[in-house]
């Protein structure tokens, strides 16, 4: 089976699992976010050369368990202030990783752990605490991210000529980013108008997701470039590691939730 077939097959399986967890709700979504947290933290421990069982298994289990406990048993109401603080913490982690990730020290490893864990925990806790229209809200989020990734790649392959950040990700182009972003914003506007019907402005939501999703992709590309690797792992055939699938989600989830809580 060639790489393209594997990519389609396992990409579709990944999307199906995420969509089903959102539609069926808790406890499945909380459990899925906890499991993704475990996989992501296990993967970053390997990349950071933290090979001990504490970093590869114990810490991921603890952080994943926190998501399960808070999401199913102990969460308190979270508002826009808490989500803003969480996003600021995540940005601090990005700065730390940008300047010193290759050193692979404890501070850098912890910054990577927090960067990965916070958005997954935020999605689980938000879904639990805002039940009014949470299914459509998360469907908007996931569809927008996935559609933008596909459109940016497709437009870039067709007409892309100008690299946007050549030192970080030479294959990503200005044409692909802008073209994919415009197509995504238009598509999400009509999708929201005729199906999802969120109260928030769909154009604003899609723009925020495109903007932060792009930079989330660049964050992971930069980290992989610093480490001299192509993929974050080999967990998903045709795609690489779990972080290769979550890259756009990690930096866009919390700002999206901040805007949603305003409405």
C-alpha atoms as a PDB file:
ATOM      1  CA  UNK A   1       0.000   0.000   0.000  1.00  0.00           C
ATOM      2  CA  UNK A   2       1.566   3.307  -1.100  1.00  0.00           C
ATOM      3  CA  UNK A   3       1.988   6.363   1.108  1.00  0.00           C
ATOM      4  CA  UNK A   4      -0.872   8.315  -0.504  1.00  0.00           C
ATOM      5  CA  UNK A   5      -3.343   5.482   0.118  1.00  0.00           C
ATOM      6  CA  UNK A   6      -2.155   5.172   3.715  1.00  0.00           C
ATOM      7  CA  UNK A   7      -2.541   8.917   4.173  1.00  0.00           C
ATOM      8  CA  UNK A   8      -6.139   8.871   2.905  1.00  0.00           C
ATOM      9  CA  UNK A   9      -7.068   5.774   4.905  1.00  0.00           C
ATOM     10  CA  UNK A  10      -5.644   6.773   8.265  1.00  0.00           C
ATOM     11  CA  UNK A  11      -6.495  10.455   7.793  1.00  0.00           C
ATOM     12  CA  UNK A  12     -10.118   9.453   7.284  1.00  0.00           C
ATOM     13  CA  UNK A  13     -10.003   7.224  10.358  1.00  0.00           C
ATOM     14  CA  UNK A  14      -8.588  10.071  12.455  1.00  0.00           C
ATOM     15  CA  UNK A  15     -11.293  12.468  11.259  1.00  0.00           C
ATOM     16  CA  UNK A  16     -14.034   9.886  11.888  1.00  0.00           C
ATOM     17  CA  UNK A  17     -12.871   9.269  15.465  1.00  0.00           C
ATOM     18  CA  UNK A  18     -12.739  12.988  16.233  1.00  0.00           C
ATOM     19  CA  UNK A  19     -16.163  13.656  14.704  1.00  0.00           C
ATOM     20  CA  UNK A  20     -17.801  10.723  16.471  1.00  0.00           C
ATOM     21  CA  UNK A  21     -16.388  11.835  19.826  1.00  0.00           C
ATOM     22  CA  UNK A  22     -17.833  15.320  19.311  1.00  0.00           C
ATOM     23  CA  UNK A  23     -21.246  14.046  18.205  1.00  0.00           C
ATOM     24  CA  UNK A  24     -21.617  11.411  20.937  1.00  0.00           C
ATOM     25  CA  UNK A  25     -20.323  13.824  23.581  1.00  0.00           C
ATOM     26  CA  UNK A  26     -19.099  12.956  27.034  1.00  0.00           C
ATOM     27  CA  UNK A  27     -17.492  10.863  28.313  1.00  0.00           C
ATOM     28  CA  UNK A  28     -16.104  10.078  24.850  1.00  0.00           C
ATOM     29  CA  UNK A  29     -14.773  13.535  23.994  1.00  0.00           C
ATOM     30  CA  UNK A  30     -13.080  13.956  27.373  1.00  0.00           C
ATOM     31  CA  UNK A  31     -11.555  10.480  27.078  1.00  0.00           C
ATOM     32  CA  UNK A  32     -10.353  11.227  23.536  1.00  0.00           C
ATOM     33  CA  UNK A  33      -8.725  14.525  24.580  1.00  0.00           C
ATOM     34  CA  UNK A  34      -7.084  12.705  27.479  1.00  0.00           C
ATOM     35  CA  UNK A  35      -5.787   9.997  25.142  1.00  0.00           C
ATOM     36  CA  UNK A  36      -4.480  12.547  22.622  1.00  0.00           C
ATOM     37  CA  UNK A  37      -2.766  14.326  25.508  1.00  0.00           C
ATOM     38  CA  UNK A  38      -1.085  11.069  26.541  1.00  0.00           C
ATOM     39  CA  UNK A  39       0.103  10.381  22.976  1.00  0.00           C
ATOM     40  CA  UNK A  40       1.342  13.934  22.452  1.00  0.00           C
ATOM     41  CA  UNK A  41       3.249  14.094  25.733  1.00  0.00           C
ATOM     42  CA  UNK A  42       4.735  10.656  25.164  1.00  0.00           C
ATOM     43  CA  UNK A  43       5.880  11.794  21.728  1.00  0.00           C
ATOM     44  CA  UNK A  44       7.427  15.049  22.961  1.00  0.00           C
ATOM     45  CA  UNK A  45       9.315  13.136  25.674  1.00  0.00           C
ATOM     46  CA  UNK A  46      10.916  10.999  22.974  1.00  0.00           C
ATOM     47  CA  UNK A  47      11.777  14.069  20.878  1.00  0.00           C
ATOM     48  CA  UNK A  48      13.291  15.819  23.909  1.00  0.00           C
ATOM     49  CA  UNK A  49      15.352  12.731  24.788  1.00  0.00           C
ATOM     50  CA  UNK A  50      13.462  12.312  28.061  1.00  0.00           C
ATOM     51  CA  UNK A  51      13.636   8.553  27.845  1.00  0.00           C
ATOM     52  CA  UNK A  52      12.786   7.643  31.431  1.00  0.00           C
ATOM     53  CA  UNK A  53       9.465   5.968  32.183  1.00  0.00           C
ATOM     54  CA  UNK A  54       8.428   8.967  34.281  1.00  0.00           C
ATOM     55  CA  UNK A  55       8.518  11.292  31.254  1.00  0.00           C
ATOM     56  CA  UNK A  56       7.303   8.806  28.641  1.00  0.00           C
ATOM     57  CA  UNK A  57       4.480   7.203  30.617  1.00  0.00           C
ATOM     58  CA  UNK A  58       3.933   8.491  34.147  1.00  0.00           C
ATOM     59  CA  UNK A  59       3.715  12.211  33.314  1.00  0.00           C
ATOM     60  CA  UNK A  60       1.441  11.653  30.264  1.00  0.00           C
ATOM     61  CA  UNK A  61      -0.855   9.450  32.375  1.00  0.00           C
ATOM     62  CA  UNK A  62      -1.036  12.097  35.108  1.00  0.00           C
ATOM     63  CA  UNK A  63      -1.804  14.935  32.700  1.00  0.00           C
ATOM     64  CA  UNK A  64      -4.330  12.800  30.815  1.00  0.00           C
ATOM     65  CA  UNK A  65      -5.916  11.808  34.121  1.00  0.00           C
ATOM     66  CA  UNK A  66      -6.288  15.462  35.080  1.00  0.00           C
ATOM     67  CA  UNK A  67      -8.347  16.032  31.919  1.00  0.00           C
ATOM     68  CA  UNK A  68     -10.582  13.072  32.765  1.00  0.00           C
ATOM     69  CA  UNK A  69     -11.033  14.146  36.389  1.00  0.00           C
ATOM     70  CA  UNK A  70     -11.770  17.800  35.624  1.00  0.00           C
ATOM     71  CA  UNK A  71     -13.880  17.021  32.568  1.00  0.00           C
ATOM     72  CA  UNK A  72     -16.056  14.363  34.170  1.00  0.00           C
ATOM     73  CA  UNK A  73     -15.955  14.975  37.909  1.00  0.00           C
ATOM     74  CA  UNK A  74     -14.342  18.181  39.100  1.00  0.00           C
ATOM     75  CA  UNK A  75     -14.506  20.994  36.577  1.00  0.00           C
ATOM     76  CA  UNK A  76     -15.656  24.393  37.684  1.00  0.00           C
ATOM     77  CA  UNK A  77     -17.045  27.102  35.443  1.00  0.00           C
ATOM     78  CA  UNK A  78     -14.433  28.585  33.161  1.00  0.00           C
ATOM     79  CA  UNK A  79     -15.012  31.922  31.465  1.00  0.00           C
ATOM     80  CA  UNK A  80     -13.179  34.068  28.986  1.00  0.00           C
ATOM     81  CA  UNK A  81     -10.702  35.336  31.607  1.00  0.00           C
ATOM     82  CA  UNK A  82      -9.488  31.814  32.375  1.00  0.00           C
ATOM     83  CA  UNK A  83      -9.200  30.998  28.687  1.00  0.00           C
ATOM     84  CA  UNK A  84      -7.305  34.240  28.024  1.00  0.00           C
ATOM     85  CA  UNK A  85      -4.863  33.407  30.835  1.00  0.00           C
ATOM     86  CA  UNK A  86      -4.433  29.895  29.409  1.00  0.00           C
ATOM     87  CA  UNK A  87      -3.686  31.352  25.977  1.00  0.00           C
ATOM     88  CA  UNK A  88      -1.126  33.789  27.398  1.00  0.00           C
ATOM     89  CA  UNK A  89       0.595  30.884  29.168  1.00  0.00           C
ATOM     90  CA  UNK A  90       0.636  28.978  25.902  1.00  0.00           C
ATOM     91  CA  UNK A  91       2.215  31.945  24.096  1.00  0.00           C
ATOM     92  CA  UNK A  92       4.929  32.143  26.770  1.00  0.00           C
ATOM     93  CA  UNK A  93       5.641  28.471  26.113  1.00  0.00           C
ATOM     94  CA  UNK A  94       5.929  29.199  22.380  1.00  0.00           C
ATOM     95  CA  UNK A  95       8.505  31.920  23.071  1.00  0.00           C
ATOM     96  CA  UNK A  96      10.528  29.578  25.296  1.00  0.00           C
ATOM     97  CA  UNK A  97      10.452  26.854  22.646  1.00  0.00           C
ATOM     98  CA  UNK A  98      11.386  29.293  19.874  1.00  0.00           C
ATOM     99  CA  UNK A  99      14.530  30.475  21.589  1.00  0.00           C
ATOM    100  CA  UNK A 100      15.798  27.369  23.347  1.00  0.00           C
ATOM    101  CA  UNK A 101      14.039  24.157  22.287  1.00  0.00           C
ATOM    102  CA  UNK A 102      17.155  22.575  20.801  1.00  0.00           C
ATOM    103  CA  UNK A 103      18.848  22.679  24.216  1.00  0.00           C
ATOM    104  CA  UNK A 104      16.363  20.003  25.335  1.00  0.00           C
ATOM    105  CA  UNK A 105      16.499  21.136  28.945  1.00  0.00           C
ATOM    106  CA  UNK A 106      13.870  20.623  31.640  1.00  0.00           C
ATOM    107  CA  UNK A 107      12.334  24.091  31.182  1.00  0.00           C
ATOM    108  CA  UNK A 108      12.006  23.562  27.436  1.00  0.00           C
ATOM    109  CA  UNK A 109      10.492  20.123  27.903  1.00  0.00           C
ATOM    110  CA  UNK A 110       7.978  21.467  30.424  1.00  0.00           C
ATOM    111  CA  UNK A 111       7.090  24.350  28.066  1.00  0.00           C
ATOM    112  CA  UNK A 112       6.388  21.807  25.308  1.00  0.00           C
ATOM    113  CA  UNK A 113       4.241  19.728  27.679  1.00  0.00           C
ATOM    114  CA  UNK A 114       2.138  22.751  28.678  1.00  0.00           C
ATOM    115  CA  UNK A 115       1.866  23.925  25.055  1.00  0.00           C
ATOM    116  CA  UNK A 116       0.435  20.545  24.014  1.00  0.00           C
ATOM    117  CA  UNK A 117      -1.711  19.848  27.073  1.00  0.00           C
ATOM    118  CA  UNK A 118      -3.472  23.193  27.599  1.00  0.00           C
ATOM    119  CA  UNK A 119      -5.558  23.318  24.370  1.00  0.00           C
ATOM    120  CA  UNK A 120      -6.634  19.674  24.636  1.00  0.00           C
ATOM    121  CA  UNK A 121      -7.713  20.221  28.249  1.00  0.00           C
ATOM    122  CA  UNK A 122      -9.457  23.468  27.270  1.00  0.00           C
ATOM    123  CA  UNK A 123     -11.498  21.736  24.546  1.00  0.00           C
ATOM    124  CA  UNK A 124     -12.592  18.990  26.939  1.00  0.00           C
ATOM    125  CA  UNK A 125     -13.520  21.364  29.776  1.00  0.00           C
ATOM    126  CA  UNK A 126     -15.297  23.841  27.514  1.00  0.00           C
ATOM    127  CA  UNK A 127     -17.386  21.054  25.963  1.00  0.00           C
ATOM    128  CA  UNK A 128     -18.402  19.874  29.434  1.00  0.00           C
ATOM    129  CA  UNK A 129     -19.328  23.290  30.793  1.00  0.00           C
ATOM    130  CA  UNK A 130     -21.086  24.883  27.804  1.00  0.00           C
ATOM    131  CA  UNK A 131     -23.614  22.263  26.648  1.00  0.00           C
ATOM    132  CA  UNK A 132     -25.935  24.635  24.773  1.00  0.00           C
ATOM    133  CA  UNK A 133     -24.503  24.306  21.268  1.00  0.00           C
ATOM    134  CA  UNK A 134     -21.213  22.578  21.941  1.00  0.00           C
ATOM    135  CA  UNK A 135     -21.516  19.935  19.201  1.00  0.00           C
ATOM    136  CA  UNK A 136     -21.944  22.452  16.375  1.00  0.00           C
ATOM    137  CA  UNK A 137     -19.315  24.739  17.892  1.00  0.00           C
ATOM    138  CA  UNK A 138     -16.642  22.034  17.898  1.00  0.00           C
ATOM    139  CA  UNK A 139     -17.735  20.765  14.490  1.00  0.00           C
ATOM    140  CA  UNK A 140     -17.181  24.278  13.130  1.00  0.00           C
ATOM    141  CA  UNK A 141     -13.720  24.292  14.724  1.00  0.00           C
ATOM    142  CA  UNK A 142     -12.618  20.913  13.388  1.00  0.00           C
ATOM    143  CA  UNK A 143     -14.119  21.284   9.903  1.00  0.00           C
ATOM    144  CA  UNK A 144     -12.536  24.713   9.489  1.00  0.00           C
ATOM    145  CA  UNK A 145      -9.080  23.482  10.544  1.00  0.00           C
ATOM    146  CA  UNK A 146      -9.202  20.393   8.347  1.00  0.00           C
ATOM    147  CA  UNK A 147     -10.632  22.222   5.328  1.00  0.00           C
ATOM    148  CA  UNK A 148      -8.012  24.959   5.591  1.00  0.00           C
ATOM    149  CA  UNK A 149      -5.175  22.428   5.799  1.00  0.00           C
ATOM    150  CA  UNK A 150      -6.490  20.724   2.660  1.00  0.00           C
ATOM    151  CA  UNK A 151      -7.119  23.941   0.717  1.00  0.00           C
ATOM    152  CA  UNK A 152      -3.790  25.543   1.647  1.00  0.00           C
ATOM    153  CA  UNK A 153      -1.998  22.394   0.495  1.00  0.00           C
ATOM    154  CA  UNK A 154      -4.013  22.120  -2.731  1.00  0.00           C
ATOM    155  CA  UNK A 155      -3.731  25.794  -3.713  1.00  0.00           C
ATOM    156  CA  UNK A 156      -0.047  25.772  -2.838  1.00  0.00           C
ATOM    157  CA  UNK A 157       0.540  22.754  -5.081  1.00  0.00           C
ATOM    158  CA  UNK A 158      -1.343  24.411  -7.955  1.00  0.00           C
ATOM    159  CA  UNK A 159      -0.060  27.989  -7.931  1.00  0.00           C
ATOM    160  CA  UNK A 160       2.292  28.321  -4.975  1.00  0.00           C
ATOM    161  CA  UNK A 161       5.625  29.944  -5.819  1.00  0.00           C
ATOM    162  CA  UNK A 162       6.592  32.241  -2.936  1.00  0.00           C
ATOM    163  CA  UNK A 163       7.646  30.586   0.353  1.00  0.00           C
ATOM    164  CA  UNK A 164       6.093  32.320   3.340  1.00  0.00           C
ATOM    165  CA  UNK A 165       8.711  31.249   5.934  1.00  0.00           C
ATOM    166  CA  UNK A 166      11.425  29.506   3.912  1.00  0.00           C
ATOM    167  CA  UNK A 167      13.740  28.923   6.873  1.00  0.00           C
ATOM    168  CA  UNK A 168      10.979  27.207   8.841  1.00  0.00           C
ATOM    169  CA  UNK A 169       8.765  25.508   6.261  1.00  0.00           C
ATOM    170  CA  UNK A 170      10.009  25.996   2.682  1.00  0.00           C
ATOM    171  CA  UNK A 171       7.081  24.112   1.098  1.00  0.00           C
ATOM    172  CA  UNK A 172       4.395  26.444   2.494  1.00  0.00           C
ATOM    173  CA  UNK A 173       3.711  29.369   0.183  1.00  0.00           C
ATOM    174  CA  UNK A 174       2.048  32.755   0.422  1.00  0.00           C
ATOM    175  CA  UNK A 175      -0.276  31.803  -2.427  1.00  0.00           C
ATOM    176  CA  UNK A 176      -1.330  28.586  -0.725  1.00  0.00           C
ATOM    177  CA  UNK A 177      -1.862  30.271   2.637  1.00  0.00           C
ATOM    178  CA  UNK A 178      -3.898  33.188   1.264  1.00  0.00           C
ATOM    179  CA  UNK A 179      -5.845  31.120  -1.274  1.00  0.00           C
ATOM    180  CA  UNK A 180      -6.604  28.378   1.226  1.00  0.00           C
ATOM    181  CA  UNK A 181      -7.586  30.934   3.844  1.00  0.00           C
ATOM    182  CA  UNK A 182     -10.002  32.789   1.551  1.00  0.00           C
ATOM    183  CA  UNK A 183     -11.650  29.574   0.353  1.00  0.00           C
ATOM    184  CA  UNK A 184     -11.990  28.369   3.941  1.00  0.00           C
ATOM    185  CA  UNK A 185     -13.554  31.601   5.215  1.00  0.00           C
ATOM    186  CA  UNK A 186     -16.090  31.610   2.351  1.00  0.00           C
ATOM    187  CA  UNK A 187     -16.930  27.941   2.844  1.00  0.00           C
ATOM    188  CA  UNK A 188     -17.356  28.276   6.623  1.00  0.00           C
ATOM    189  CA  UNK A 189     -19.610  31.318   6.171  1.00  0.00           C
ATOM    190  CA  UNK A 190     -22.074  29.308   4.074  1.00  0.00           C
ATOM    191  CA  UNK A 191     -21.672  26.188   6.192  1.00  0.00           C
ATOM    192  CA  UNK A 192     -22.573  28.169   9.284  1.00  0.00           C
ATOM    193  CA  UNK A 193     -25.453  29.972   7.602  1.00  0.00           C
ATOM    194  CA  UNK A 194     -27.171  26.858   6.302  1.00  0.00           C
ATOM    195  CA  UNK A 195     -26.142  24.202   8.832  1.00  0.00           C
ATOM    196  CA  UNK A 196     -24.205  24.943  12.026  1.00  0.00           C
ATOM    197  CA  UNK A 197     -25.821  28.335  12.753  1.00  0.00           C
ATOM    198  CA  UNK A 198     -23.493  29.554  15.496  1.00  0.00           C
ATOM    199  CA  UNK A 199     -24.362  32.922  16.999  1.00  0.00           C
ATOM    200  CA  UNK A 200     -20.787  34.175  16.647  1.00  0.00           C
ATOM    201  CA  UNK A 201     -19.676  35.768  13.392  1.00  0.00           C
ATOM    202  CA  UNK A 202     -18.558  32.900  11.162  1.00  0.00           C
ATOM    203  CA  UNK A 203     -16.139  35.044   9.152  1.00  0.00           C
ATOM    204  CA  UNK A 204     -14.374  36.201  12.325  1.00  0.00           C
ATOM    205  CA  UNK A 205     -14.222  32.656  13.696  1.00  0.00           C
ATOM    206  CA  UNK A 206     -12.840  31.237  10.457  1.00  0.00           C
ATOM    207  CA  UNK A 207     -10.267  34.036  10.178  1.00  0.00           C
ATOM    208  CA  UNK A 208      -9.050  33.409  13.738  1.00  0.00           C
ATOM    209  CA  UNK A 209      -8.750  29.682  13.065  1.00  0.00           C
ATOM    210  CA  UNK A 210      -6.907  30.223   9.783  1.00  0.00           C
ATOM    211  CA  UNK A 211      -4.509  32.710  11.381  1.00  0.00           C
ATOM    212  CA  UNK A 212      -3.645  30.724  14.490  1.00  0.00           C
ATOM    213  CA  UNK A 213      -3.855  27.377  12.684  1.00  0.00           C
ATOM    214  CA  UNK A 214      -1.197  28.623  10.257  1.00  0.00           C
ATOM    215  CA  UNK A 215       1.106  29.651  13.070  1.00  0.00           C
ATOM    216  CA  UNK A 216       0.452  26.414  14.936  1.00  0.00           C
ATOM    217  CA  UNK A 217       1.677  24.596  11.860  1.00  0.00           C
ATOM    218  CA  UNK A 218       4.756  26.811  11.741  1.00  0.00           C
ATOM    219  CA  UNK A 219       5.491  26.215  15.429  1.00  0.00           C
ATOM    220  CA  UNK A 220       5.705  22.467  14.901  1.00  0.00           C
ATOM    221  CA  UNK A 221       7.634  22.866  11.634  1.00  0.00           C
ATOM    222  CA  UNK A 222      10.136  25.061  13.462  1.00  0.00           C
ATOM    223  CA  UNK A 223      10.568  22.572  16.306  1.00  0.00           C
ATOM    224  CA  UNK A 224      11.078  19.687  13.880  1.00  0.00           C
ATOM    225  CA  UNK A 225      13.578  21.753  11.910  1.00  0.00           C
ATOM    226  CA  UNK A 226      15.502  22.544  15.105  1.00  0.00           C
ATOM    227  CA  UNK A 227      15.663  18.814  15.848  1.00  0.00           C
ATOM    228  CA  UNK A 228      16.538  17.880  12.281  1.00  0.00           C
ATOM    229  CA  UNK A 229      13.567  15.539  11.781  1.00  0.00           C
ATOM    230  CA  UNK A 230      10.847  15.251   9.139  1.00  0.00           C
ATOM    231  CA  UNK A 231       7.998  13.890  11.284  1.00  0.00           C
ATOM    232  CA  UNK A 232       7.326  14.015  15.009  1.00  0.00           C
ATOM    233  CA  UNK A 233       6.858  10.228  15.053  1.00  0.00           C
ATOM    234  CA  UNK A 234       5.516   7.275  13.099  1.00  0.00           C
ATOM    235  CA  UNK A 235       2.301   6.518  14.980  1.00  0.00           C
ATOM    236  CA  UNK A 236      -0.058   7.282  12.082  1.00  0.00           C
ATOM    237  CA  UNK A 237       0.921   5.651   8.765  1.00  0.00           C
ATOM    238  CA  UNK A 238       1.163   8.213   5.975  1.00  0.00           C
ATOM    239  CA  UNK A 239       1.036  11.147   8.389  1.00  0.00           C
ATOM    240  CA  UNK A 240       3.812  10.763  10.958  1.00  0.00           C
ATOM    241  CA  UNK A 241       3.265  11.345  14.639  1.00  0.00           C
ATOM    242  CA  UNK A 242       0.216  12.517  16.559  1.00  0.00           C
ATOM    243  CA  UNK A 243       1.713  16.012  16.827  1.00  0.00           C
ATOM    244  CA  UNK A 244       1.844  16.165  13.027  1.00  0.00           C
ATOM    245  CA  UNK A 245      -1.951  15.824  13.070  1.00  0.00           C
ATOM    246  CA  UNK A 246      -2.579  18.177  15.978  1.00  0.00           C
ATOM    247  CA  UNK A 247      -0.251  21.024  14.968  1.00  0.00           C
ATOM    248  CA  UNK A 248      -2.940  23.397  13.629  1.00  0.00           C
ATOM    249  CA  UNK A 249      -5.336  22.541  16.457  1.00  0.00           C
ATOM    250  CA  UNK A 250      -2.931  23.232  19.316  1.00  0.00           C
ATOM    251  CA  UNK A 251      -2.459  26.966  18.800  1.00  0.00           C
ATOM    252  CA  UNK A 252      -5.938  27.766  17.458  1.00  0.00           C
ATOM    253  CA  UNK A 253      -8.169  26.017  20.018  1.00  0.00           C
ATOM    254  CA  UNK A 254      -7.921  28.432  22.946  1.00  0.00           C
ATOM    255  CA  UNK A 255      -8.321  31.744  21.028  1.00  0.00           C
ATOM    256  CA  UNK A 256     -11.323  30.167  19.299  1.00  0.00           C
ATOM    257  CA  UNK A 257     -12.845  29.300  22.683  1.00  0.00           C
ATOM    258  CA  UNK A 258     -12.158  32.832  23.964  1.00  0.00           C
ATOM    259  CA  UNK A 259     -14.245  34.294  21.126  1.00  0.00           C
ATOM    260  CA  UNK A 260     -16.970  31.684  21.575  1.00  0.00           C
ATOM    261  CA  UNK A 261     -17.316  32.468  25.295  1.00  0.00           C
ATOM    262  CA  UNK A 262     -17.939  36.121  24.418  1.00  0.00           C
ATOM    263  CA  UNK A 263     -21.187  35.057  22.726  1.00  0.00           C
END
